[in-house]
Structure formats: structure tokens, C-alpha cells
Protein backbone atom coordinates (compact mmCIF):
# COMPACT_ATOMS: atom_id res chain seq x y z
CA MET A 1 -6.47 -7.19 -10.65
CA SER A 2 -9.30 -9.44 -9.56
CA SER A 3 -9.57 -11.28 -6.22
CA GLY A 4 -11.27 -14.52 -5.22
CA PHE A 5 -14.11 -14.75 -2.72
CA GLU A 6 -11.95 -15.62 0.31
CA THR A 7 -9.42 -12.89 -0.47
CA THR A 8 -12.16 -10.30 -0.93
CA LYS A 9 -13.79 -11.42 2.32
CA ARG A 10 -10.46 -11.04 4.11
CA SER A 11 -10.05 -7.56 2.63
CA LEU A 12 -13.47 -6.43 3.80
CA HIS A 13 -12.80 -7.77 7.30
CA SER A 14 -9.54 -5.81 7.42
CA ILE A 15 -11.26 -2.57 6.41
CA THR A 16 -14.02 -3.03 9.00
CA GLN A 17 -11.32 -3.28 11.67
CA ARG A 18 -10.16 0.23 10.72
CA VAL A 19 -13.40 2.15 10.16
CA ASP A 20 -17.13 2.06 10.63
CA ILE A 21 -18.15 1.16 7.08
CA LYS A 22 -21.45 3.08 7.04
CA ALA A 23 -19.90 6.25 8.45
CA TYR A 24 -16.94 5.97 6.10
CA ILE A 25 -19.18 5.59 3.03
CA GLU A 26 -20.99 8.79 4.01
CA SER A 27 -17.70 10.67 4.44
CA VAL A 28 -16.57 9.58 0.97
CA LYS A 29 -19.89 10.51 -0.62
CA ASN A 30 -20.08 13.93 1.03
CA LYS A 31 -16.62 15.42 0.52
CA LYS A 32 -16.55 19.22 0.41
CA GLU A 33 -13.99 21.93 -0.22
CA ILE A 34 -11.70 22.27 2.79
CA PRO A 35 -10.55 25.80 3.65
CA ILE A 36 -6.83 26.20 4.31
CA SER A 37 -6.32 28.17 7.49
CA HIS A 38 -2.53 28.05 7.31
CA SER A 39 -0.65 27.71 4.02
CA LEU A 40 2.75 26.13 3.58
CA PRO A 41 5.23 28.94 2.72
CA VAL A 42 6.22 28.10 -0.86
CA GLU A 43 8.90 29.59 -3.13
CA GLY A 44 9.68 29.39 -6.81
CA HIS A 45 13.38 29.38 -5.92
CA ASN A 46 14.77 28.35 -2.55
CA THR A 47 16.18 30.85 -0.07
CA ASN A 48 17.55 30.37 3.43
CA GLU A 49 14.78 32.58 4.81
CA GLY A 50 12.10 30.56 3.03
CA THR A 51 13.58 27.28 4.26
CA GLN A 52 13.52 28.50 7.86
CA LYS A 53 9.89 29.63 7.44
CA ARG A 54 8.87 26.18 6.19
CA GLN A 55 10.71 24.46 9.01
CA SER A 56 9.01 26.66 11.61
CA PHE A 57 5.65 26.12 9.91
CA LEU A 58 5.96 22.32 10.03
CA ILE A 59 7.02 22.34 13.67
CA ALA A 60 3.98 24.46 14.51
CA GLN A 61 1.53 22.45 12.41
CA ILE A 62 2.71 18.94 13.30
CA GLY A 63 3.79 19.60 16.86
CA ASN A 64 7.16 17.85 16.54
CA SER A 65 10.69 19.00 15.82
CA PHE A 66 12.81 17.28 13.18
CA PRO A 67 16.46 17.94 14.08
CA ALA A 68 17.97 15.17 11.92
CA VAL A 69 16.16 16.50 8.83
CA PHE A 70 16.49 20.23 9.52
CA GLU A 71 20.12 20.20 10.71
CA LYS A 72 23.28 18.56 9.41
CA HIS A 73 23.33 14.88 10.33
CA CYS A 74 26.04 12.29 9.97
CA PHE A 75 26.38 8.73 11.24
CA GLU A 76 28.94 8.98 14.03
CA GLU A 77 28.61 5.33 15.03
CA ALA A 78 29.17 3.07 12.01
CA ASP A 79 27.73 0.04 13.79
CA SER A 80 24.34 1.76 13.86
CA LEU A 81 24.13 0.94 10.15
CA ASN A 82 24.58 -2.82 10.53
CA GLY A 83 21.67 -4.40 8.76
CA ASN A 84 21.39 -1.41 6.41
CA CYS A 85 24.71 -1.01 4.62
CA GLU A 86 28.01 -2.88 4.24
CA ASN A 87 31.44 -1.30 3.65
CA PHE A 88 30.15 2.05 4.93
CA ILE A 89 32.13 5.16 3.89
CA GLY A 90 29.71 8.09 4.15
CA SER A 91 26.32 9.42 3.08
CA ALA A 92 24.72 10.63 -0.15
CA GLN A 93 22.77 13.75 0.67
CA VAL A 94 19.43 14.07 -1.13
CA PRO A 95 17.46 17.29 -0.52
CA ILE A 96 14.00 16.91 1.01
CA GLY A 97 11.06 19.09 -0.03
CA VAL A 98 7.57 19.01 1.40
CA ILE A 99 4.09 19.21 -0.14
CA GLY A 100 0.75 19.78 1.43
CA PRO A 101 -1.53 19.75 3.06
CA LEU A 102 -2.52 16.62 1.13
CA HIS A 103 -6.02 15.88 2.38
CA ILE A 104 -6.95 12.20 2.48
CA VAL A 105 -10.25 10.50 3.20
CA GLY A 106 -8.91 7.02 3.89
CA SER A 107 -9.75 3.97 5.92
CA ALA A 108 -6.46 4.31 7.82
CA ALA A 109 -5.10 7.71 6.70
CA SER A 110 -7.50 10.53 7.45
CA GLY A 111 -6.96 14.29 7.45
CA ASP A 112 -4.16 16.61 6.32
CA PHE A 113 -0.61 15.43 5.67
CA PHE A 114 2.57 17.34 4.91
CA VAL A 115 4.46 14.79 2.85
CA PRO A 116 8.29 14.79 2.65
CA LEU A 117 9.81 14.06 -0.76
CA ALA A 118 13.56 13.49 -1.26
CA THR A 119 14.61 14.30 -4.81
CA THR A 120 17.12 16.08 -7.04
CA GLU A 121 14.59 16.50 -9.87
CA GLY A 122 13.45 20.10 -10.19
CA THR A 123 9.66 20.61 -10.67
CA LEU A 124 8.76 17.31 -8.94
CA VAL A 125 7.88 18.79 -5.55
CA ALA A 126 6.10 21.77 -7.11
CA SER A 127 4.03 19.48 -9.33
CA TYR A 128 2.90 17.19 -6.51
CA HIS A 129 2.18 20.20 -4.31
CA ARG A 130 -0.10 21.61 -7.00
CA GLY A 131 -1.95 18.30 -7.27
CA ALA A 132 -2.38 18.25 -3.48
CA LYS A 133 -3.79 21.79 -3.53
CA ALA A 134 -6.26 21.03 -6.33
CA SER A 135 -7.53 17.84 -4.70
CA ARG A 136 -7.95 19.53 -1.33
CA LEU A 137 -10.13 22.22 -2.89
CA CYS A 138 -12.42 19.38 -4.01
CA GLY A 139 -12.70 17.63 -0.64
CA GLY A 140 -9.51 15.59 -0.78
CA ILE A 141 -8.51 12.21 -2.15
CA THR A 142 -10.23 8.99 -1.15
CA SER A 143 -7.56 6.32 -0.68
CA ILE A 144 -8.19 2.77 0.53
CA CYS A 145 -5.77 -0.09 1.23
CA PHE A 146 -7.70 -3.19 0.15
CA LEU A 147 -5.30 -6.13 0.17
CA GLU A 148 -2.00 -7.23 1.70
CA GLY A 149 0.32 -10.05 0.75
CA VAL A 150 4.01 -10.60 0.01
CA GLN A 151 5.20 -13.55 -2.04
CA ARG A 152 8.26 -15.78 -2.27
CA SER A 153 8.30 -18.40 -5.04
CA PRO A 154 10.82 -21.25 -4.73
CA VAL A 155 11.31 -23.70 -7.61
CA PHE A 156 11.95 -27.45 -7.32
CA ARG A 157 13.47 -29.58 -10.12
CA PHE A 158 12.92 -33.34 -10.51
CA GLU A 159 14.01 -36.16 -12.79
CA ASN A 160 10.53 -36.41 -14.33
CA MET A 161 6.94 -35.28 -13.95
CA ALA A 162 5.99 -38.37 -11.92
CA GLU A 163 8.40 -37.42 -9.13
CA MET A 164 7.32 -33.80 -9.38
CA GLY A 165 3.71 -34.97 -8.94
CA GLN A 166 4.55 -36.99 -5.83
CA PHE A 167 6.25 -33.99 -4.27
CA LEU A 168 3.31 -31.75 -5.20
CA ILE A 169 0.78 -34.10 -3.59
CA PHE A 170 2.86 -34.18 -0.41
CA ALA A 171 3.14 -30.37 -0.34
CA ILE A 172 -0.63 -29.97 -0.77
CA GLU A 173 -1.38 -32.48 2.00
CA CYS A 174 0.99 -30.70 4.40
CA LYS A 175 -0.26 -27.13 3.86
CA ALA A 176 -1.82 -26.98 7.33
CA GLN A 177 1.64 -27.33 8.90
CA PHE A 178 3.21 -24.38 7.11
CA ASN A 179 2.18 -21.71 9.63
CA GLU A 180 3.51 -23.82 12.48
CA ILE A 181 6.88 -23.97 10.71
CA VAL A 182 6.80 -20.22 10.01
CA SER A 183 6.01 -19.36 13.64
CA SER A 184 9.46 -20.60 14.70
CA ALA A 185 11.07 -17.82 12.66
CA SER A 186 8.65 -14.89 12.92
CA ARG A 187 6.05 -13.54 15.32
CA HIS A 188 4.37 -11.61 12.52
CA ALA A 189 4.48 -13.73 9.36
CA LYS A 190 1.48 -15.86 8.40
CA VAL A 191 0.95 -17.95 5.28
CA LEU A 192 -2.18 -16.57 3.61
CA ASP A 193 -2.24 -18.65 0.44
CA VAL A 194 -0.21 -21.15 -1.54
CA LYS A 195 -0.35 -21.52 -5.32
CA TYR A 196 1.34 -24.14 -7.50
CA ASN A 197 2.74 -23.69 -10.99
CA ILE A 198 3.81 -26.77 -13.00
CA GLU A 199 6.19 -26.52 -15.93
CA GLY A 200 7.43 -29.92 -17.11
CA ASN A 201 9.48 -31.50 -14.35
CA GLN A 202 9.70 -28.19 -12.46
CA LEU A 203 7.36 -27.06 -9.70
CA ILE A 204 7.06 -23.46 -8.51
CA ILE A 205 5.31 -22.98 -5.17
CA ASN A 206 4.13 -19.41 -4.68
CA PHE A 207 3.84 -18.67 -0.94
CA GLU A 208 1.86 -15.56 -0.01
CA TYR A 209 2.38 -14.08 3.46
CA TYR A 210 0.97 -11.50 5.79
CA THR A 211 4.00 -9.55 7.08
CA GLY A 212 2.60 -7.18 9.70
CA ASP A 213 3.92 -3.64 9.36
CA ALA A 214 7.17 -4.66 7.66
CA ALA A 215 7.74 -4.55 3.91
CA GLY A 216 8.57 -8.20 4.46
CA GLN A 217 11.03 -9.34 1.79
CA ASN A 218 13.56 -10.64 4.32
CA MET A 219 10.82 -12.10 6.49
CA VAL A 220 9.24 -14.12 3.68
CA THR A 221 12.65 -15.32 2.46
CA ILE A 222 13.60 -16.71 5.87
CA CYS A 223 10.18 -18.30 6.42
CA THR A 224 10.06 -19.85 2.95
CA ASP A 225 13.54 -21.28 3.40
CA LEU A 226 12.36 -23.12 6.52
CA ILE A 227 9.29 -24.54 4.75
CA CYS A 228 11.34 -25.65 1.75
CA LYS A 229 13.91 -27.42 3.90
CA TRP A 230 11.13 -29.15 5.82
CA LEU A 231 9.45 -30.29 2.59
CA VAL A 232 12.69 -31.60 1.10
CA GLU A 233 13.57 -33.45 4.30
CA ASN A 234 10.15 -35.09 4.72
CA ALA A 235 8.84 -35.60 1.17
CA PRO A 236 8.76 -39.14 -0.29
CA VAL A 237 10.90 -37.94 -3.22
CA LYS A 238 13.76 -35.46 -3.25
CA PRO A 239 14.23 -32.76 -5.89
CA THR A 240 17.44 -32.86 -7.88
CA ALA A 241 17.79 -29.16 -7.05
CA TRP A 242 15.77 -26.35 -5.52
CA PHE A 243 16.17 -22.58 -5.28
CA ILE A 244 14.62 -20.16 -2.82
CA GLU A 245 13.38 -17.84 -5.58
CA SER A 246 12.33 -18.84 -9.08
CA ASN A 247 12.05 -15.22 -10.30
CA TYR A 248 8.28 -15.74 -10.46
CA SER A 249 7.21 -13.69 -7.42
CA GLY A 250 7.77 -10.31 -9.09
CA ASP A 251 10.37 -9.14 -6.58
CA LYS A 252 11.83 -5.83 -7.79
CA LYS A 253 10.42 -6.05 -11.30
CA ALA A 254 7.23 -5.17 -13.12
CA SER A 255 5.36 -8.41 -13.71
CA ALA A 256 1.94 -9.42 -15.00
CA VAL A 257 1.50 -11.93 -12.14
CA SER A 258 1.73 -9.38 -9.34
CA PHE A 259 -0.14 -6.77 -11.40
CA THR A 260 -3.18 -9.03 -11.64
CA HIS A 261 -3.21 -9.84 -7.91
CA VAL A 262 -1.40 -8.07 -5.05
CA ARG A 263 2.20 -7.81 -3.95
CA GLY A 264 2.76 -5.82 -0.80
CA ARG A 265 -0.31 -3.61 -0.40
CA LYS A 266 -3.00 -2.87 -2.96
CA VAL A 267 -4.37 0.68 -2.84
CA SER A 268 -6.96 2.46 -4.95
CA ALA A 269 -7.46 6.24 -4.78
CA GLU A 270 -9.90 8.65 -6.42
CA VAL A 271 -10.75 12.33 -6.64
CA HIS A 272 -13.58 14.34 -8.22
CA LEU A 273 -12.09 17.58 -9.54
CA LYS A 274 -14.50 20.49 -9.98
CA LYS A 275 -14.48 22.29 -13.32
CA GLU A 276 -13.47 25.60 -11.74
CA VAL A 277 -10.61 24.01 -9.80
CA VAL A 278 -9.22 22.37 -12.95
CA GLU A 279 -9.38 25.70 -14.76
CA ARG A 280 -8.19 27.94 -11.92
CA THR A 281 -5.66 25.82 -10.01
CA LEU A 282 -4.48 23.37 -12.67
CA ARG A 283 -4.91 25.99 -15.42
CA CYS A 284 -6.35 23.50 -17.87
CA LYS A 285 -9.68 22.76 -19.52
CA PRO A 286 -11.22 19.53 -18.19
CA ALA A 287 -11.94 18.24 -21.71
CA ASP A 288 -8.31 18.79 -22.74
CA MET A 289 -7.06 16.99 -19.63
CA VAL A 290 -9.22 13.95 -20.30
CA GLN A 291 -8.46 13.97 -24.04
CA TYR A 292 -4.74 13.93 -23.29
CA TRP A 293 -5.12 11.06 -20.83
CA GLN A 294 -7.04 8.97 -23.34
CA SER A 295 -4.34 9.55 -25.97
CA SER A 296 -1.53 8.82 -23.50
CA THR A 297 -3.21 5.57 -22.46
CA ILE A 298 -3.28 4.42 -26.09
CA GLY A 299 0.38 5.35 -26.31
CA VAL A 300 1.39 3.41 -23.20
CA ILE A 301 -0.52 0.34 -24.43
CA GLN A 302 1.41 0.47 -27.71
CA SER A 303 4.68 0.72 -25.77
CA GLY A 304 4.01 -2.65 -24.11
CA SER A 305 4.09 -1.26 -20.59
CA ILE A 306 2.52 -3.24 -17.73
CA GLY A 307 -0.19 -0.95 -16.43
CA ALA A 308 -1.04 2.52 -17.68
CA GLN A 309 0.03 5.52 -15.64
CA GLY A 310 1.98 8.73 -16.03
CA HIS A 311 4.80 9.20 -13.55
CA VAL A 312 3.89 7.33 -10.38
CA ALA A 313 7.55 6.37 -9.96
CA ASN A 314 8.49 10.02 -9.40
CA GLY A 315 6.47 10.53 -6.25
CA LEU A 316 6.96 7.04 -4.84
CA THR A 317 10.75 7.17 -5.30
CA ALA A 318 10.96 10.53 -3.54
CA LEU A 319 8.78 9.32 -0.67
CA PHE A 320 10.62 5.98 -0.46
CA ILE A 321 14.01 7.69 -0.15
CA ALA A 322 12.72 10.10 2.48
CA THR A 323 11.11 7.38 4.62
CA GLY A 324 13.64 4.53 4.43
CA GLN A 325 11.82 2.17 2.07
CA ASP A 326 13.60 -0.28 -0.24
CA VAL A 327 13.89 2.12 -3.17
CA ALA A 328 14.49 -0.65 -5.72
CA CYS A 329 10.91 -1.80 -5.07
CA VAL A 330 9.69 1.24 -7.01
CA SER A 331 10.27 -0.93 -10.08
CA GLU A 332 7.18 -2.92 -9.03
CA ALA A 333 5.39 -0.42 -6.78
CA ALA A 334 4.97 2.10 -9.61
CA VAL A 335 3.03 -0.39 -11.74
CA GLY A 336 -0.61 0.64 -11.81
CA ILE A 337 -3.55 2.11 -13.67
CA THR A 338 -4.56 5.75 -13.82
CA ARG A 339 -7.95 6.69 -15.27
CA MET A 340 -9.49 10.08 -16.04
CA GLU A 341 -12.91 10.92 -17.44
CA LEU A 342 -15.30 13.87 -17.65
CA THR A 343 -18.06 14.06 -15.06
CA SER A 344 -21.64 15.11 -15.69
CA ASP A 345 -20.99 18.54 -14.13
CA GLY A 346 -18.04 19.26 -16.41
CA GLY A 347 -15.30 18.30 -13.97
CA VAL A 348 -12.81 15.43 -14.01
CA TYR A 349 -12.96 12.08 -12.23
CA ALA A 350 -9.47 10.64 -11.69
CA SER A 351 -8.32 7.44 -10.02
CA VAL A 352 -5.14 5.45 -9.56
CA THR A 353 -4.80 1.81 -8.50
CA LEU A 354 -1.47 0.44 -7.27
CA PRO A 355 -1.46 -3.32 -6.55
CA ASN A 356 2.24 -3.70 -5.71
CA LEU A 357 3.13 -1.27 -2.93
CA ILE A 358 6.04 -2.92 -1.11
CA VAL A 359 6.22 -0.62 1.92
CA GLY A 360 6.83 -0.85 5.66
CA THR A 361 6.77 1.32 8.76
CA VAL A 362 9.09 -0.91 10.79
CA GLY A 363 12.36 -2.64 9.87
CA GLY A 364 14.76 -1.91 7.03
CA GLY A 365 15.77 1.72 6.82
CA THR A 366 12.71 3.11 8.62
CA SER A 367 14.50 3.59 11.96
CA LEU A 368 17.44 5.60 10.59
CA PRO A 369 17.39 9.17 11.96
CA THR A 370 16.13 11.25 9.03
CA GLN A 371 13.93 8.46 7.69
CA LYS A 372 12.29 7.97 11.08
CA GLU A 373 11.62 11.70 11.32
CA CYS A 374 10.07 11.78 7.85
CA LEU A 375 7.78 8.90 8.79
CA ASN A 376 6.86 10.74 11.99
CA MET A 377 6.13 13.83 9.90
CA ILE A 378 3.17 11.94 8.41
CA GLY A 379 2.40 9.94 11.57
CA CYS A 380 3.57 6.64 10.10
CA PHE A 381 6.49 5.35 12.14
CA GLY A 382 6.13 2.07 14.02
CA ASP A 383 3.59 -0.68 14.51
CA GLY A 384 0.04 -0.41 13.20
CA LYS A 385 0.86 2.25 10.59
CA VAL A 386 1.59 0.44 7.31
CA GLN A 387 -1.97 0.62 5.92
CA LYS A 388 -2.00 4.35 6.68
CA PHE A 389 1.31 4.78 4.89
CA ALA A 390 0.08 2.80 1.88
CA GLU A 391 -2.99 5.02 1.59
CA ILE A 392 -0.75 8.11 1.70
CA CYS A 393 1.29 6.56 -1.13
CA GLY A 394 -1.85 6.11 -3.22
CA ALA A 395 -3.07 9.67 -2.60
CA LEU A 396 0.38 11.08 -3.36
CA ALA A 397 0.53 9.17 -6.64
CA LEU A 398 -2.86 10.51 -7.70
CA ALA A 399 -1.90 14.10 -6.83
CA GLY A 400 1.06 13.73 -9.17
CA GLU A 401 -1.01 12.19 -11.95
CA ILE A 402 -3.58 14.97 -12.09
CA SER A 403 -0.88 17.64 -12.01
CA ILE A 404 1.21 16.18 -14.83
CA ALA A 405 -1.86 15.47 -16.98
CA ALA A 406 -2.98 19.09 -16.68
CA ALA A 407 0.55 20.37 -17.36
CA ILE A 408 0.97 18.38 -20.56
CA ALA A 409 -2.60 18.95 -21.78
CA SER A 410 -2.32 22.73 -21.36
CA GLY A 411 1.25 23.16 -22.64
CA GLN A 412 2.71 24.04 -19.22
CA PHE A 413 4.97 20.99 -18.99
CA SER A 414 8.05 22.33 -20.77
CA GLN A 415 7.60 25.79 -19.24
CA ALA A 416 7.56 24.33 -15.73
CA HIS A 417 10.75 22.37 -16.34
CA GLN A 418 12.43 25.43 -17.77
CA LYS A 419 11.44 27.44 -14.68
CA PHE A 420 12.08 24.88 -11.91
CA GLY A 421 14.21 22.16 -13.45
CA ARG A 422 17.25 24.06 -14.67
CA LYS A 423 20.22 25.38 -12.75
CA HIS A 424 20.62 29.17 -13.00
């Protein structure tokens, strides 16, 4: 997951636009236990009374009401779903739970967050809530969005390599014109980088874009289509065929290419768990937790998985459904690396890095009623919020990783699923 000099320079510039670097470094280095003045009313089994208590608690803590989430909602005007769903017939209701406060020390996300998770998997919300509690007792989770970039990778076919080479030379010489072409289709999209991949008489051009606060798949498709048509029309040689996507970009699949760079937003998060918090809150010995993670990492390597993590897909899927993200992108967004090791004071250092977070706070399903309210619940709806949302995703993923590692290492995993995950 390395980055070149220019990309790293661009990343640092982006971070300095969000925070004062010196002050932020000090806040990361000096995290302390944060007392909880008001606790989320939790239950082992849901009751109507408990649900009403949690709803009232969130309204009081966040300062907003959430009528579409808290009350029955249906789409009375079918045309409001144009652009979201074809052949509309009704809605699939997925229950929403909440965890928190999840305390984050981020460059864009800072403070306490009550995070909505839409799921039908018992134990998921309880597990992530436990991870949030443990991390908060240790000063919270540091989470930083480092890089942004969304790719589209068209492929061009030619009669031979000579013609392919002529087309490639023309494309390289015309790179400066790409952003001018793109500007006719989008106010937000910018071409950040262009890479070329030759395979015989085929040429793949990998366009990387900045997409503002949108997830950007539609945006980059439309912009790339314009560039491709311009190239084909003006190049000295014409391809025998070309296709808008070569299946190289990593769209909606786990791929080594996007894993080693960035696709969407790249976030890295960390937490230092105190020995007493691991033992008291996670009910596990730090050495057992780390031993399990080392063994599980060897196991995931043998399985051939891209990346090495526990269950990042669980939390991201639940958050994606709640907030109107493209849920299929979890197939790439959940690719990452989780690491755990013992610290010198007997605690546990844990980190997670996610290089492929395809997320947005505008466009797509983010403006639908319940999804908009869930984004507002964490202060992430609208322009200028996508880096904040990405950092919340990273912190959420790490909260889940430390909780599941402790559960499996201490033998609680099956007990928890028997208690929370079965219908009675």
C-alpha cells in the first residue's frame, strides 16, 4: 500500500487543510481515558420501553430528531426514487441499532459519535458497541483519511502492437487536455493520475479521479467515456474495439491492484488498549488476544485472502445500509490489514488500514429519508463531510476487530452468538 512522492505530498497537503499538524500530533500522543457522563441505554434483549429510551437519549445527545428512522416510513411518491431503484414495488425493512459513544481522534472526525448500524445479524451491534466502549476508556481511536482517488480503466484493442503504441503515444501527449474534457461533464471531478498497462495489442488506461464528496463511480464512468471518445476521434489510429471498463479498476471486487494503492478513500486507524481495559471490558488476557491474532493472520494468509482482517465487512455493511452507500462496494471496501501486538506496559496495540473505502456523503442513496437521517446522526450528510465519514468507517472497523479478537481468544464467541444471535 505504498504511495509515490507526489501522491504522498498531495495527501499531506489535504491533511493540513483539515487540522493544525502540530496540535493534532500532540492530541494523538496524549490521549487519555474519557469519562462517560451519559451512557447509551443498552439491553440484552430489545423491549419497546428500551427502544423509546434510546430514541429519547439520542435526541437529547445529538440535538436532532429522526422521525424517518424512529417512526414507520414508506415512499409515498415513487418518483422520489428515480435514480435509486427501477421497477419499484416496496421496501425491505432492516432494523437499525446504534453503538457508542465511539470516540475518535481524527483529522476530520473528532469527538464522540453514536453510529447507526442496519443489520439482521444478532451480536453484531453488541460486539461493535463493546469495542467502542473499550477504545473510549483508552482515549479513543485515532483515525486518519490519507488518500483519495477513484479509478475507471477502459481497454483499447488494436490490430497489432505498433498501432497500440501509436495510440499510447498520442494519449500520453494529450494528458494535459483530460481535465478540460472532464470539466464539461462534472464540476467536481478532476483527473489526478493516469497509468498505462500494455498487454500484447491491448492497452488499458487507468484513470484516477478526485470525486469531491461523492462515492464517484457514476461520475468517473461518465467522465472517462468522454475522454475515450475524444481519444478515439482524434488519435492517428483507431482501435478495433474499446470498452469503458476492462475489469482492471477493482470496481466491486477485492483486487491486488487497488489493495496496493487506493480506491475511494484510504484510512488507517489505531488504538492503544490498556491491560486493565482488555481484562475488565473485553474480558480477555492481552497475551491471548495477540496470540490469537497472530494465529488467525497465518490462517488468512494460507486461505489466499487479499489482506488480513477479521470481520470488517460486518460493520461496514451495516453502516453502508444505514447511510445509503453502494452496499456492493463492501466487497472491496472490506479489504484491509488488521494488526495487533503487545505493548511494553502489557496492553495491546491494534490498528486497521482500509485502502478501498468507496463512500460518499452526497449522491446515490444518501439523500433518501432514513439514510439522510443516519448520516445526520453522525454529522456526515452533505458537502465537505466525506473524509469525516471515512474516518468514522475506519474507527468503526477497528472497534469491531478488537471486540471479535477478544471474544474468540477468550472463548466468548460462541456464547455471545448463543445469547444474542438466536431467536427465542
